[in-house]
Amino acid sequence: MASLWDDLESLANSPSSFTAPTGERGTIKPKAGFNAGDDVAALRNAIEGLGTKEKILIEILTRRSSAQRQLLCEAYKEATGRTLVEDLRGDTSGDLEELLVALATPPAAFDCHQVMKAMKGAGTNDGILIEIFASRSNQQIRALTDAYLKETQKKLTLDLRGEISGDFAEALLLLAEGKRDESAAVDAEKAKKDAKTLYDAGEKKWGTDESKFVDVLCRRSVPQLRQTLLEYKNVSGKTLQQSVEGEMSGALEELLVAIVKCVKSVPAYFAERLHASMKGGGTDESTLNRIMVSRSEIDLLDIRAEFKKLYKCSLLSAIKSDLSGLHGDCVEAICGGDD
């Protein structure tokens, strides 16, 4: 796997998912001739009749864009006096329920619920926090924090501060502000300077000055960081990812490595996460569900291409061999085709 992340050749010119407009590289597209009334009638028939007809729920919710699903939710509430999410929760169960509810939830609210889930109970689920804050654009992070404020009447950054600590907290809180530089211009001199600063703060000295890594990796724009990764290799002889892995540990290492990977390729980062969620003895369904839903209208086609490149099998075939039943059918429908 190292070779994927060590290759910096094509970095400067490859597209970035951070700036990808929703819809272009997704697998779920708006349905032509969409009619919320017809869909509501079909959903009610599937839910209110004798025994839930899950296949109809899957067919409708995986074949409408998120914006259309929200119109559908409004029409459903108007027609029944109940929310679609409540009825899905009442009529389905397990992993399928989780997946259908995710599809019926607006993207920002879904991210918000995932973050709330990560902070619930004793200790935090750092993996969820890392995945979301390392891979989302400023706009997505601001939408998430707005949704959090609306649902809890609290500021997400303040609640996070109470849950996490140390350099990991500093890095995550910087990302949670959604203020990463968004300039497309690259300052080559600044990239050289940053690369030298990072080399001096890590490889070159005894003990690591983590704050320098946090500052550069959580503030600079994606194009600027791509140039910095190239310059770092020139200064150090190693990739920045190799240095972070060698110099740091724990949640901070995991977060900074995730940022470096996402700067290079968000689709490759998610292909790797999907593979890990299905590898070995048992599936991590909630990670699988979260990635499939949250990337379904952004870059899932690119994730599929990276998955095939990395693992020599299609994402669809991996899903088919790992999942079964209605949950498997629903994930396959989101995946949207073989490669």
C-alpha atoms as a PDB file:
ATOM      1  CA  MET A   1       0.000   0.000   0.000  1.00  0.00           C
ATOM      2  CA  ALA A   2       2.912   2.344   0.688  1.00  0.00           C
ATOM      3  CA  SER A   3       3.550   2.807  -3.033  1.00  0.00           C
ATOM      4  CA  LEU A   4       0.202   4.529  -3.607  1.00  0.00           C
ATOM      5  CA  TRP A   5       0.913   7.236  -1.042  1.00  0.00           C
ATOM      6  CA  ASP A   6       4.616   7.538  -1.951  1.00  0.00           C
ATOM      7  CA  ASP A   7       3.922   8.476  -5.572  1.00  0.00           C
ATOM      8  CA  LEU A   8       3.950  12.286  -5.759  1.00  0.00           C
ATOM      9  CA  GLU A   9       4.456  12.609  -9.508  1.00  0.00           C
ATOM     10  CA  SER A  10       0.953  13.509 -10.671  1.00  0.00           C
ATOM     11  CA  LEU A  11       0.104  15.536  -7.587  1.00  0.00           C
ATOM     12  CA  ALA A  12       0.212  19.093  -8.864  1.00  0.00           C
ATOM     13  CA  ASN A  13      -2.338  18.599 -11.647  1.00  0.00           C
ATOM     14  CA  SER A  14      -4.741  15.962 -10.337  1.00  0.00           C
ATOM     15  CA  PRO A  15      -8.298  17.119  -9.517  1.00  0.00           C
ATOM     16  CA  SER A  16      -9.365  17.561  -5.900  1.00  0.00           C
ATOM     17  CA  SER A  17     -12.612  16.297  -4.369  1.00  0.00           C
ATOM     18  CA  PHE A  18     -12.559  19.316  -2.043  1.00  0.00           C
ATOM     19  CA  THR A  19     -13.623  21.500  -4.960  1.00  0.00           C
ATOM     20  CA  ALA A  20     -15.743  18.953  -6.865  1.00  0.00           C
ATOM     21  CA  PRO A  21     -19.274  20.200  -7.510  1.00  0.00           C
ATOM     22  CA  THR A  22     -21.903  17.851  -6.098  1.00  0.00           C
ATOM     23  CA  GLY A  23     -23.383  15.520  -8.693  1.00  0.00           C
ATOM     24  CA  GLU A  24     -20.638  15.308 -11.293  1.00  0.00           C
ATOM     25  CA  ARG A  25     -18.718  12.274 -10.014  1.00  0.00           C
ATOM     26  CA  GLY A  26     -21.413  10.688  -7.896  1.00  0.00           C
ATOM     27  CA  THR A  27     -23.341   7.478  -8.561  1.00  0.00           C
ATOM     28  CA  ILE A  28     -26.711   8.876  -7.474  1.00  0.00           C
ATOM     29  CA  LYS A  29     -28.162  11.411  -9.906  1.00  0.00           C
ATOM     30  CA  PRO A  30     -31.440  13.376  -9.834  1.00  0.00           C
ATOM     31  CA  LYS A  31     -34.324  11.339 -11.248  1.00  0.00           C
ATOM     32  CA  ALA A  32     -35.783  12.782 -14.436  1.00  0.00           C
ATOM     33  CA  GLY A  33     -39.512  13.446 -14.142  1.00  0.00           C
ATOM     34  CA  PHE A  34     -39.344  13.257 -10.341  1.00  0.00           C
ATOM     35  CA  ASN A  35     -42.765  13.432  -8.709  1.00  0.00           C
ATOM     36  CA  ALA A  36     -42.792  13.636  -4.901  1.00  0.00           C
ATOM     37  CA  GLY A  37     -46.514  12.780  -4.730  1.00  0.00           C
ATOM     38  CA  ASP A  38     -46.073   9.517  -6.651  1.00  0.00           C
ATOM     39  CA  ASP A  39     -43.085   8.562  -4.497  1.00  0.00           C
ATOM     40  CA  VAL A  40     -44.964   9.298  -1.273  1.00  0.00           C
ATOM     41  CA  ALA A  41     -47.834   7.061  -2.400  1.00  0.00           C
ATOM     42  CA  ALA A  42     -45.375   4.235  -3.185  1.00  0.00           C
ATOM     43  CA  LEU A  43     -43.546   4.688   0.146  1.00  0.00           C
ATOM     44  CA  ARG A  44     -46.793   4.686   2.111  1.00  0.00           C
ATOM     45  CA  ASN A  45     -47.878   1.526   0.364  1.00  0.00           C
ATOM     46  CA  ALA A  46     -44.520  -0.068   1.210  1.00  0.00           C
ATOM     47  CA  ILE A  47     -44.614   1.015   4.865  1.00  0.00           C
ATOM     48  CA  GLU A  48     -48.297   0.975   5.821  1.00  0.00           C
ATOM     49  CA  GLY A  49     -49.331  -2.236   4.077  1.00  0.00           C
ATOM     50  CA  LEU A  50     -49.028  -5.661   5.633  1.00  0.00           C
ATOM     51  CA  GLY A  51     -45.287  -6.298   6.084  1.00  0.00           C
ATOM     52  CA  THR A  52     -42.819  -3.679   4.916  1.00  0.00           C
ATOM     53  CA  LYS A  53     -41.784  -3.893   1.270  1.00  0.00           C
ATOM     54  CA  GLU A  54     -38.124  -2.982   1.732  1.00  0.00           C
ATOM     55  CA  LYS A  55     -37.238  -3.371  -1.945  1.00  0.00           C
ATOM     56  CA  ILE A  56     -39.517  -0.417  -2.801  1.00  0.00           C
ATOM     57  CA  LEU A  57     -37.888   1.710  -0.075  1.00  0.00           C
ATOM     58  CA  ILE A  58     -34.448   0.842  -1.469  1.00  0.00           C
ATOM     59  CA  GLU A  59     -35.511   1.460  -5.072  1.00  0.00           C
ATOM     60  CA  ILE A  60     -36.869   4.936  -4.307  1.00  0.00           C
ATOM     61  CA  LEU A  61     -34.266   6.191  -1.816  1.00  0.00           C
ATOM     62  CA  THR A  62     -31.224   5.087  -3.849  1.00  0.00           C
ATOM     63  CA  ARG A  63     -32.583   6.479  -7.122  1.00  0.00           C
ATOM     64  CA  ARG A  64     -33.286  10.078  -6.077  1.00  0.00           C
ATOM     65  CA  SER A  65     -30.774  12.832  -5.394  1.00  0.00           C
ATOM     66  CA  SER A  66     -30.424  14.135  -1.849  1.00  0.00           C
ATOM     67  CA  ALA A  67     -32.326  17.318  -2.779  1.00  0.00           C
ATOM     68  CA  GLN A  68     -35.168  15.203  -4.212  1.00  0.00           C
ATOM     69  CA  ARG A  69     -35.196  12.999  -1.097  1.00  0.00           C
ATOM     70  CA  GLN A  70     -35.649  16.121   1.046  1.00  0.00           C
ATOM     71  CA  LEU A  71     -38.633  17.222  -1.069  1.00  0.00           C
ATOM     72  CA  LEU A  72     -39.947  13.709  -0.644  1.00  0.00           C
ATOM     73  CA  CYS A  73     -39.539  13.906   3.150  1.00  0.00           C
ATOM     74  CA  GLU A  74     -41.490  17.197   3.225  1.00  0.00           C
ATOM     75  CA  ALA A  75     -44.291  15.758   1.082  1.00  0.00           C
ATOM     76  CA  TYR A  76     -44.388  12.617   3.238  1.00  0.00           C
ATOM     77  CA  LYS A  77     -44.762  14.660   6.432  1.00  0.00           C
ATOM     78  CA  GLU A  78     -47.528  16.701   4.831  1.00  0.00           C
ATOM     79  CA  ALA A  79     -49.404  13.588   3.715  1.00  0.00           C
ATOM     80  CA  THR A  80     -49.003  11.475   6.875  1.00  0.00           C
ATOM     81  CA  GLY A  81     -48.235  13.849   9.741  1.00  0.00           C
ATOM     82  CA  ARG A  82     -45.197  11.630  10.438  1.00  0.00           C
ATOM     83  CA  THR A  83     -41.597  12.002   9.361  1.00  0.00           C
ATOM     84  CA  LEU A  84     -40.221   9.473   6.906  1.00  0.00           C
ATOM     85  CA  VAL A  85     -37.235   8.920   9.224  1.00  0.00           C
ATOM     86  CA  GLU A  86     -39.568   7.934  12.114  1.00  0.00           C
ATOM     87  CA  ASP A  87     -41.406   5.479   9.880  1.00  0.00           C
ATOM     88  CA  LEU A  88     -38.181   4.004   8.497  1.00  0.00           C
ATOM     89  CA  ARG A  89     -36.973   3.525  12.065  1.00  0.00           C
ATOM     90  CA  GLY A  90     -40.233   1.886  13.040  1.00  0.00           C
ATOM     91  CA  ASP A  91     -40.471  -0.442  10.041  1.00  0.00           C
ATOM     92  CA  THR A  92     -36.905  -1.516   9.303  1.00  0.00           C
ATOM     93  CA  SER A  93     -34.068  -2.598  11.547  1.00  0.00           C
ATOM     94  CA  GLY A  94     -30.323  -3.094  11.857  1.00  0.00           C
ATOM     95  CA  ASP A  95     -27.877  -2.024   9.166  1.00  0.00           C
ATOM     96  CA  LEU A  96     -30.615  -1.522   6.565  1.00  0.00           C
ATOM     97  CA  GLU A  97     -32.448   0.869   8.892  1.00  0.00           C
ATOM     98  CA  GLU A  98     -29.258   2.827   9.504  1.00  0.00           C
ATOM     99  CA  LEU A  99     -28.603   3.087   5.776  1.00  0.00           C
ATOM    100  CA  LEU A 100     -32.133   4.120   4.764  1.00  0.00           C
ATOM    101  CA  VAL A 101     -32.285   6.718   7.565  1.00  0.00           C
ATOM    102  CA  ALA A 102     -28.914   8.079   6.353  1.00  0.00           C
ATOM    103  CA  LEU A 103     -30.329   8.427   2.826  1.00  0.00           C
ATOM    104  CA  ALA A 104     -33.394  10.272   4.162  1.00  0.00           C
ATOM    105  CA  THR A 105     -31.222  12.733   6.139  1.00  0.00           C
ATOM    106  CA  PRO A 106     -29.741  15.926   4.588  1.00  0.00           C
ATOM    107  CA  PRO A 107     -25.930  15.608   4.143  1.00  0.00           C
ATOM    108  CA  ALA A 108     -24.999  18.258   6.740  1.00  0.00           C
ATOM    109  CA  ALA A 109     -27.370  16.782   9.324  1.00  0.00           C
ATOM    110  CA  PHE A 110     -26.002  13.297   8.564  1.00  0.00           C
ATOM    111  CA  ASP A 111     -22.408  14.480   9.170  1.00  0.00           C
ATOM    112  CA  CYS A 112     -23.621  16.217  12.323  1.00  0.00           C
ATOM    113  CA  HIS A 113     -25.267  13.006  13.636  1.00  0.00           C
ATOM    114  CA  GLN A 114     -22.087  11.053  12.920  1.00  0.00           C
ATOM    115  CA  VAL A 115     -20.037  13.556  14.922  1.00  0.00           C
ATOM    116  CA  MET A 116     -22.579  13.418  17.771  1.00  0.00           C
ATOM    117  CA  LYS A 117     -22.356   9.617  17.701  1.00  0.00           C
ATOM    118  CA  ALA A 118     -18.549   9.840  17.865  1.00  0.00           C
ATOM    119  CA  MET A 119     -18.753  12.029  20.983  1.00  0.00           C
ATOM    120  CA  LYS A 120     -21.413   9.996  22.782  1.00  0.00           C
ATOM    121  CA  GLY A 121     -20.647   8.035  25.932  1.00  0.00           C
ATOM    122  CA  ALA A 122     -17.267   7.529  27.577  1.00  0.00           C
ATOM    123  CA  GLY A 123     -14.392   8.546  25.305  1.00  0.00           C
ATOM    124  CA  THR A 124     -14.673   9.596  21.685  1.00  0.00           C
ATOM    125  CA  ASN A 125     -14.615   7.572  18.500  1.00  0.00           C
ATOM    126  CA  ASP A 126     -11.603   9.363  17.026  1.00  0.00           C
ATOM    127  CA  GLY A 127     -11.816   7.432  13.748  1.00  0.00           C
ATOM    128  CA  ILE A 128     -15.165   9.019  12.807  1.00  0.00           C
ATOM    129  CA  LEU A 129     -14.002  12.528  13.789  1.00  0.00           C
ATOM    130  CA  ILE A 130     -10.770  12.103  11.823  1.00  0.00           C
ATOM    131  CA  GLU A 131     -12.509  10.802   8.692  1.00  0.00           C
ATOM    132  CA  ILE A 132     -15.063  13.614   8.634  1.00  0.00           C
ATOM    133  CA  PHE A 133     -12.860  16.600   9.472  1.00  0.00           C
ATOM    134  CA  ALA A 134      -9.917  15.484   7.294  1.00  0.00           C
ATOM    135  CA  SER A 135     -12.044  14.872   4.196  1.00  0.00           C
ATOM    136  CA  ARG A 136     -14.685  17.623   4.186  1.00  0.00           C
ATOM    137  CA  SER A 137     -14.428  21.039   2.512  1.00  0.00           C
ATOM    138  CA  ASN A 138     -14.819  24.281   4.510  1.00  0.00           C
ATOM    139  CA  GLN A 139     -18.335  24.610   3.153  1.00  0.00           C
ATOM    140  CA  GLN A 140     -19.286  21.097   4.323  1.00  0.00           C
ATOM    141  CA  ILE A 141     -17.744  21.698   7.757  1.00  0.00           C
ATOM    142  CA  ARG A 142     -19.606  24.978   8.184  1.00  0.00           C
ATOM    143  CA  ALA A 143     -22.867  23.284   7.174  1.00  0.00           C
ATOM    144  CA  LEU A 144     -22.155  20.526   9.723  1.00  0.00           C
ATOM    145  CA  THR A 145     -21.476  23.027  12.540  1.00  0.00           C
ATOM    146  CA  ASP A 146     -24.643  24.979  11.633  1.00  0.00           C
ATOM    147  CA  ALA A 147     -26.651  21.738  11.799  1.00  0.00           C
ATOM    148  CA  TYR A 148     -25.066  20.951  15.180  1.00  0.00           C
ATOM    149  CA  LEU A 149     -25.995  24.372  16.567  1.00  0.00           C
ATOM    150  CA  LYS A 150     -29.555  23.984  15.274  1.00  0.00           C
ATOM    151  CA  GLU A 151     -29.980  20.529  16.839  1.00  0.00           C
ATOM    152  CA  THR A 152     -28.200  21.043  20.164  1.00  0.00           C
ATOM    153  CA  GLN A 153     -28.222  24.861  20.671  1.00  0.00           C
ATOM    154  CA  LYS A 154     -24.497  24.443  21.369  1.00  0.00           C
ATOM    155  CA  LYS A 155     -21.310  25.273  19.499  1.00  0.00           C
ATOM    156  CA  LEU A 156     -19.613  22.186  18.161  1.00  0.00           C
ATOM    157  CA  THR A 157     -16.087  23.507  18.805  1.00  0.00           C
ATOM    158  CA  LEU A 158     -16.930  24.083  22.491  1.00  0.00           C
ATOM    159  CA  ASP A 159     -18.377  20.583  22.880  1.00  0.00           C
ATOM    160  CA  LEU A 160     -15.388  19.056  21.079  1.00  0.00           C
ATOM    161  CA  ARG A 161     -13.026  20.924  23.385  1.00  0.00           C
ATOM    162  CA  GLY A 162     -14.626  19.146  26.326  1.00  0.00           C
ATOM    163  CA  GLU A 163     -14.091  15.731  24.717  1.00  0.00           C
ATOM    164  CA  ILE A 164     -10.555  15.796  23.297  1.00  0.00           C
ATOM    165  CA  SER A 165      -7.220  17.193  24.399  1.00  0.00           C
ATOM    166  CA  GLY A 166      -3.610  17.915  23.489  1.00  0.00           C
ATOM    167  CA  ASP A 167      -2.236  18.475  19.995  1.00  0.00           C
ATOM    168  CA  PHE A 168      -4.971  16.247  18.553  1.00  0.00           C
ATOM    169  CA  ALA A 169      -7.570  18.660  19.945  1.00  0.00           C
ATOM    170  CA  GLU A 170      -5.732  21.695  18.565  1.00  0.00           C
ATOM    171  CA  ALA A 171      -5.612  20.130  15.085  1.00  0.00           C
ATOM    172  CA  LEU A 172      -9.209  18.922  15.068  1.00  0.00           C
ATOM    173  CA  LEU A 173     -10.521  22.243  16.393  1.00  0.00           C
ATOM    174  CA  LEU A 174      -8.665  24.149  13.679  1.00  0.00           C
ATOM    175  CA  LEU A 175     -10.323  21.923  11.066  1.00  0.00           C
ATOM    176  CA  ALA A 176     -13.730  22.224  12.780  1.00  0.00           C
ATOM    177  CA  GLU A 177     -13.612  25.998  12.305  1.00  0.00           C
ATOM    178  CA  GLY A 178     -13.835  25.411   8.540  1.00  0.00           C
ATOM    179  CA  LYS A 179     -11.317  28.131   7.801  1.00  0.00           C
ATOM    180  CA  ARG A 180      -8.682  26.335   5.717  1.00  0.00           C
ATOM    181  CA  ASP A 181      -7.231  28.710   3.112  1.00  0.00           C
ATOM    182  CA  GLU A 182      -9.154  28.238  -0.145  1.00  0.00           C
ATOM    183  CA  SER A 183      -6.884  30.092  -2.526  1.00  0.00           C
ATOM    184  CA  ALA A 184      -6.068  28.227  -5.753  1.00  0.00           C
ATOM    185  CA  ALA A 185      -2.763  30.084  -6.149  1.00  0.00           C
ATOM    186  CA  VAL A 186       0.418  28.279  -5.144  1.00  0.00           C
ATOM    187  CA  ASP A 187       3.334  30.123  -3.555  1.00  0.00           C
ATOM    188  CA  ALA A 188       6.358  27.956  -4.364  1.00  0.00           C
ATOM    189  CA  GLU A 189       8.663  29.870  -1.971  1.00  0.00           C
ATOM    190  CA  LYS A 190       6.216  29.471   0.902  1.00  0.00           C
ATOM    191  CA  ALA A 191       5.975  25.732   0.129  1.00  0.00           C
ATOM    192  CA  LYS A 192       9.775  25.454   0.367  1.00  0.00           C
ATOM    193  CA  LYS A 193       9.765  27.401   3.623  1.00  0.00           C
ATOM    194  CA  ASP A 194       6.965  25.251   5.100  1.00  0.00           C
ATOM    195  CA  ALA A 195       8.748  22.068   4.024  1.00  0.00           C
ATOM    196  CA  LYS A 196      11.938  23.240   5.763  1.00  0.00           C
ATOM    197  CA  THR A 197       9.954  24.244   8.889  1.00  0.00           C
ATOM    198  CA  LEU A 198       8.377  20.776   9.047  1.00  0.00           C
ATOM    199  CA  TYR A 199      11.706  19.040   8.456  1.00  0.00           C
ATOM    200  CA  ASP A 200      13.326  21.101  11.224  1.00  0.00           C
ATOM    201  CA  ALA A 201      10.366  20.404  13.554  1.00  0.00           C
ATOM    202  CA  GLY A 202      10.468  16.635  13.001  1.00  0.00           C
ATOM    203  CA  GLU A 203      13.121  14.643  11.194  1.00  0.00           C
ATOM    204  CA  LYS A 204      15.945  17.010  12.017  1.00  0.00           C
ATOM    205  CA  LYS A 205      15.511  17.396  15.752  1.00  0.00           C
ATOM    206  CA  TRP A 206      15.377  15.206  18.812  1.00  0.00           C
ATOM    207  CA  GLY A 207      11.699  15.162  19.761  1.00  0.00           C
ATOM    208  CA  THR A 208       9.020  16.576  17.509  1.00  0.00           C
ATOM    209  CA  ASP A 209       7.403  20.009  17.529  1.00  0.00           C
ATOM    210  CA  GLU A 210       3.884  18.818  16.665  1.00  0.00           C
ATOM    211  CA  SER A 211       2.424  22.339  16.658  1.00  0.00           C
ATOM    212  CA  LYS A 212       4.325  23.218  13.451  1.00  0.00           C
ATOM    213  CA  PHE A 213       2.797  20.222  11.653  1.00  0.00           C
ATOM    214  CA  VAL A 214      -0.681  21.106  12.937  1.00  0.00           C
ATOM    215  CA  ASP A 215      -0.310  24.724  11.841  1.00  0.00           C
ATOM    216  CA  VAL A 216       0.752  23.941   8.273  1.00  0.00           C
ATOM    217  CA  LEU A 217      -1.460  20.909   7.622  1.00  0.00           C
ATOM    218  CA  CYS A 218      -4.657  22.388   9.074  1.00  0.00           C
ATOM    219  CA  ARG A 219      -4.414  25.917   7.623  1.00  0.00           C
ATOM    220  CA  ARG A 220      -2.850  25.808   4.150  1.00  0.00           C
ATOM    221  CA  SER A 221      -4.927  25.330   0.997  1.00  0.00           C
ATOM    222  CA  VAL A 222      -4.977  21.956  -0.760  1.00  0.00           C
ATOM    223  CA  PRO A 223      -2.980  23.180  -3.832  1.00  0.00           C
ATOM    224  CA  GLN A 224      -0.430  24.800  -1.488  1.00  0.00           C
ATOM    225  CA  LEU A 225      -0.078  21.616   0.571  1.00  0.00           C
ATOM    226  CA  ARG A 226       0.396  19.535  -2.576  1.00  0.00           C
ATOM    227  CA  GLN A 227       3.365  21.709  -3.486  1.00  0.00           C
ATOM    228  CA  THR A 228       4.642  21.436   0.102  1.00  0.00           C
ATOM    229  CA  LEU A 229       4.528  17.623  -0.099  1.00  0.00           C
ATOM    230  CA  LEU A 230       6.753  17.774  -3.201  1.00  0.00           C
ATOM    231  CA  GLU A 231       9.167  20.213  -1.551  1.00  0.00           C
ATOM    232  CA  TYR A 232       9.302  18.113   1.630  1.00  0.00           C
ATOM    233  CA  LYS A 233      10.435  15.063  -0.333  1.00  0.00           C
ATOM    234  CA  ASN A 234      13.240  17.193  -1.820  1.00  0.00           C
ATOM    235  CA  VAL A 235      14.378  18.390   1.617  1.00  0.00           C
ATOM    236  CA  SER A 236      14.006  15.154   3.533  1.00  0.00           C
ATOM    237  CA  GLY A 237      14.303  12.328   1.036  1.00  0.00           C
ATOM    238  CA  LYS A 238      11.192  10.896   2.699  1.00  0.00           C
ATOM    239  CA  THR A 239       7.541  11.702   2.080  1.00  0.00           C
ATOM    240  CA  LEU A 240       5.791  13.847   4.667  1.00  0.00           C
ATOM    241  CA  GLN A 241       3.486  10.926   5.430  1.00  0.00           C
ATOM    242  CA  GLN A 242       6.473   8.701   6.233  1.00  0.00           C
ATOM    243  CA  SER A 243       7.857  11.400   8.547  1.00  0.00           C
ATOM    244  CA  VAL A 244       4.540  11.857  10.379  1.00  0.00           C
ATOM    245  CA  GLU A 245       4.236   8.082  10.795  1.00  0.00           C
ATOM    246  CA  GLY A 246       7.784   7.896  12.122  1.00  0.00           C
ATOM    247  CA  GLU A 247       7.632  10.922  14.424  1.00  0.00           C
ATOM    248  CA  MET A 248       4.137  10.739  15.928  1.00  0.00           C
ATOM    249  CA  SER A 249       1.664   8.296  17.386  1.00  0.00           C
ATOM    250  CA  GLY A 250      -1.953   7.896  18.411  1.00  0.00           C
ATOM    251  CA  ALA A 251      -4.864  10.023  17.257  1.00  0.00           C
ATOM    252  CA  LEU A 252      -2.686  12.968  16.172  1.00  0.00           C
ATOM    253  CA  GLU A 253      -0.664  10.752  13.830  1.00  0.00           C
ATOM    254  CA  GLU A 254      -3.884   9.244  12.446  1.00  0.00           C
ATOM    255  CA  LEU A 255      -5.391  12.689  11.830  1.00  0.00           C
ATOM    256  CA  LEU A 256      -2.329  14.226  10.170  1.00  0.00           C
ATOM    257  CA  VAL A 257      -1.822  11.142   7.966  1.00  0.00           C
ATOM    258  CA  ALA A 258      -5.503  11.338   6.942  1.00  0.00           C
ATOM    259  CA  ILE A 259      -5.055  15.025   6.028  1.00  0.00           C
ATOM    260  CA  VAL A 260      -1.966  14.239   3.921  1.00  0.00           C
ATOM    261  CA  LYS A 261      -3.823  11.399   2.181  1.00  0.00           C
ATOM    262  CA  CYS A 262      -6.859  13.593   1.470  1.00  0.00           C
ATOM    263  CA  VAL A 263      -4.642  16.376   0.134  1.00  0.00           C
ATOM    264  CA  LYS A 264      -3.235  13.835  -2.293  1.00  0.00           C
ATOM    265  CA  SER A 265      -6.462  12.010  -3.181  1.00  0.00           C
ATOM    266  CA  VAL A 266      -9.753  11.973  -1.302  1.00  0.00           C
ATOM    267  CA  PRO A 267     -11.079   9.100  -3.486  1.00  0.00           C
ATOM    268  CA  ALA A 268      -8.006   6.939  -2.756  1.00  0.00           C
ATOM    269  CA  TYR A 269      -8.364   7.729   0.968  1.00  0.00           C
ATOM    270  CA  PHE A 270     -11.981   6.526   0.916  1.00  0.00           C
ATOM    271  CA  ALA A 271     -11.178   3.479  -1.238  1.00  0.00           C
ATOM    272  CA  GLU A 272      -8.675   2.456   1.438  1.00  0.00           C
ATOM    273  CA  ARG A 273     -11.238   3.088   4.239  1.00  0.00           C
ATOM    274  CA  LEU A 274     -13.882   1.034   2.410  1.00  0.00           C
ATOM    275  CA  HIS A 275     -11.450  -1.823   1.898  1.00  0.00           C
ATOM    276  CA  ALA A 276     -10.518  -1.769   5.590  1.00  0.00           C
ATOM    277  CA  SER A 277     -14.214  -1.798   6.554  1.00  0.00           C
ATOM    278  CA  MET A 278     -14.723  -5.064   4.653  1.00  0.00           C
ATOM    279  CA  LYS A 279     -11.384  -6.759   5.327  1.00  0.00           C
ATOM    280  CA  GLY A 280     -10.878  -9.611   7.741  1.00  0.00           C
ATOM    281  CA  GLY A 281     -13.349 -11.267  10.061  1.00  0.00           C
ATOM    282  CA  GLY A 282     -16.434  -9.137   9.969  1.00  0.00           C
ATOM    283  CA  THR A 283     -17.624  -5.951   8.339  1.00  0.00           C
ATOM    284  CA  ASP A 284     -17.628  -2.480   9.864  1.00  0.00           C
ATOM    285  CA  GLU A 285     -21.104  -1.673   8.536  1.00  0.00           C
ATOM    286  CA  SER A 286     -21.375   1.785  10.015  1.00  0.00           C
ATOM    287  CA  THR A 287     -18.161   2.992   8.312  1.00  0.00           C
ATOM    288  CA  LEU A 288     -19.284   1.366   5.062  1.00  0.00           C
ATOM    289  CA  ASN A 289     -22.741   2.985   5.290  1.00  0.00           C
ATOM    290  CA  ARG A 290     -21.300   6.401   6.172  1.00  0.00           C
ATOM    291  CA  ILE A 291     -18.845   6.493   3.278  1.00  0.00           C
ATOM    292  CA  MET A 292     -21.266   5.124   0.688  1.00  0.00           C
ATOM    293  CA  VAL A 293     -23.982   7.642   1.582  1.00  0.00           C
ATOM    294  CA  SER A 294     -21.772  10.683   2.143  1.00  0.00           C
ATOM    295  CA  ARG A 295     -19.800  10.241  -1.109  1.00  0.00           C
ATOM    296  CA  SER A 296     -22.702   8.996  -3.278  1.00  0.00           C
ATOM    297  CA  GLU A 297     -23.228  12.394  -4.933  1.00  0.00           C
ATOM    298  CA  ILE A 298     -19.670  13.723  -4.726  1.00  0.00           C
ATOM    299  CA  ASP A 299     -16.979  11.297  -5.908  1.00  0.00           C
ATOM    300  CA  LEU A 300     -18.118   7.685  -5.558  1.00  0.00           C
ATOM    301  CA  LEU A 301     -17.299   7.019  -9.246  1.00  0.00           C
ATOM    302  CA  ASP A 302     -13.704   8.110  -8.540  1.00  0.00           C
ATOM    303  CA  ILE A 303     -13.616   6.031  -5.346  1.00  0.00           C
ATOM    304  CA  ARG A 304     -14.720   3.012  -7.392  1.00  0.00           C
ATOM    305  CA  ALA A 305     -11.917   3.642  -9.910  1.00  0.00           C
ATOM    306  CA  GLU A 306      -9.299   3.956  -7.135  1.00  0.00           C
ATOM    307  CA  PHE A 307     -10.626   0.812  -5.430  1.00  0.00           C
ATOM    308  CA  LYS A 308     -10.228  -1.185  -8.633  1.00  0.00           C
ATOM    309  CA  LYS A 309      -6.720   0.202  -9.168  1.00  0.00           C
ATOM    310  CA  LEU A 310      -5.634  -0.605  -5.604  1.00  0.00           C
ATOM    311  CA  TYR A 311      -7.259  -3.967  -4.966  1.00  0.00           C
ATOM    312  CA  LYS A 312      -7.621  -5.443  -8.472  1.00  0.00           C
ATOM    313  CA  CYS A 313     -11.317  -6.070  -7.940  1.00  0.00           C
ATOM    314  CA  SER A 314     -14.324  -3.792  -8.271  1.00  0.00           C
ATOM    315  CA  LEU A 315     -15.941  -2.174  -5.246  1.00  0.00           C
ATOM    316  CA  LEU A 316     -19.227  -3.807  -6.280  1.00  0.00           C
ATOM    317  CA  SER A 317     -17.700  -7.310  -6.263  1.00  0.00           C
ATOM    318  CA  ALA A 318     -16.160  -6.641  -2.822  1.00  0.00           C
ATOM    319  CA  ILE A 319     -19.579  -5.539  -1.519  1.00  0.00           C
ATOM    320  CA  LYS A 320     -21.287  -8.586  -3.052  1.00  0.00           C
ATOM    321  CA  SER A 321     -18.838 -10.985  -1.410  1.00  0.00           C
ATOM    322  CA  ASP A 322     -19.015  -9.211   1.956  1.00  0.00           C
ATOM    323  CA  LEU A 323     -22.672  -8.271   2.414  1.00  0.00           C
ATOM    324  CA  SER A 324     -25.911 -10.134   1.936  1.00  0.00           C
ATOM    325  CA  GLY A 325     -29.636  -9.617   2.216  1.00  0.00           C
ATOM    326  CA  LEU A 326     -31.462  -6.314   1.898  1.00  0.00           C
ATOM    327  CA  HIS A 327     -28.619  -4.289   3.408  1.00  0.00           C
ATOM    328  CA  GLY A 328     -26.317  -5.690   0.717  1.00  0.00           C
ATOM    329  CA  ASP A 329     -28.905  -4.858  -1.960  1.00  0.00           C
ATOM    330  CA  CYS A 330     -29.097  -1.255  -0.729  1.00  0.00           C
ATOM    331  CA  VAL A 331     -25.308  -0.751  -0.617  1.00  0.00           C
ATOM    332  CA  GLU A 332     -25.013  -2.279  -4.107  1.00  0.00           C
ATOM    333  CA  ALA A 333     -27.688   0.108  -5.393  1.00  0.00           C
ATOM    334  CA  ILE A 334     -25.730   3.101  -4.031  1.00  0.00           C
ATOM    335  CA  CYS A 335     -22.505   1.727  -5.531  1.00  0.00           C
ATOM    336  CA  GLY A 336     -24.351   1.850  -8.823  1.00  0.00           C
ATOM    337  CA  GLY A 337     -22.459  -0.493 -11.140  1.00  0.00           C
ATOM    338  CA  ASP A 338     -19.454  -2.677 -11.749  1.00  0.00           C
ATOM    339  CA  ASP A 339     -16.005  -1.639 -12.959  1.00  0.00           C
END
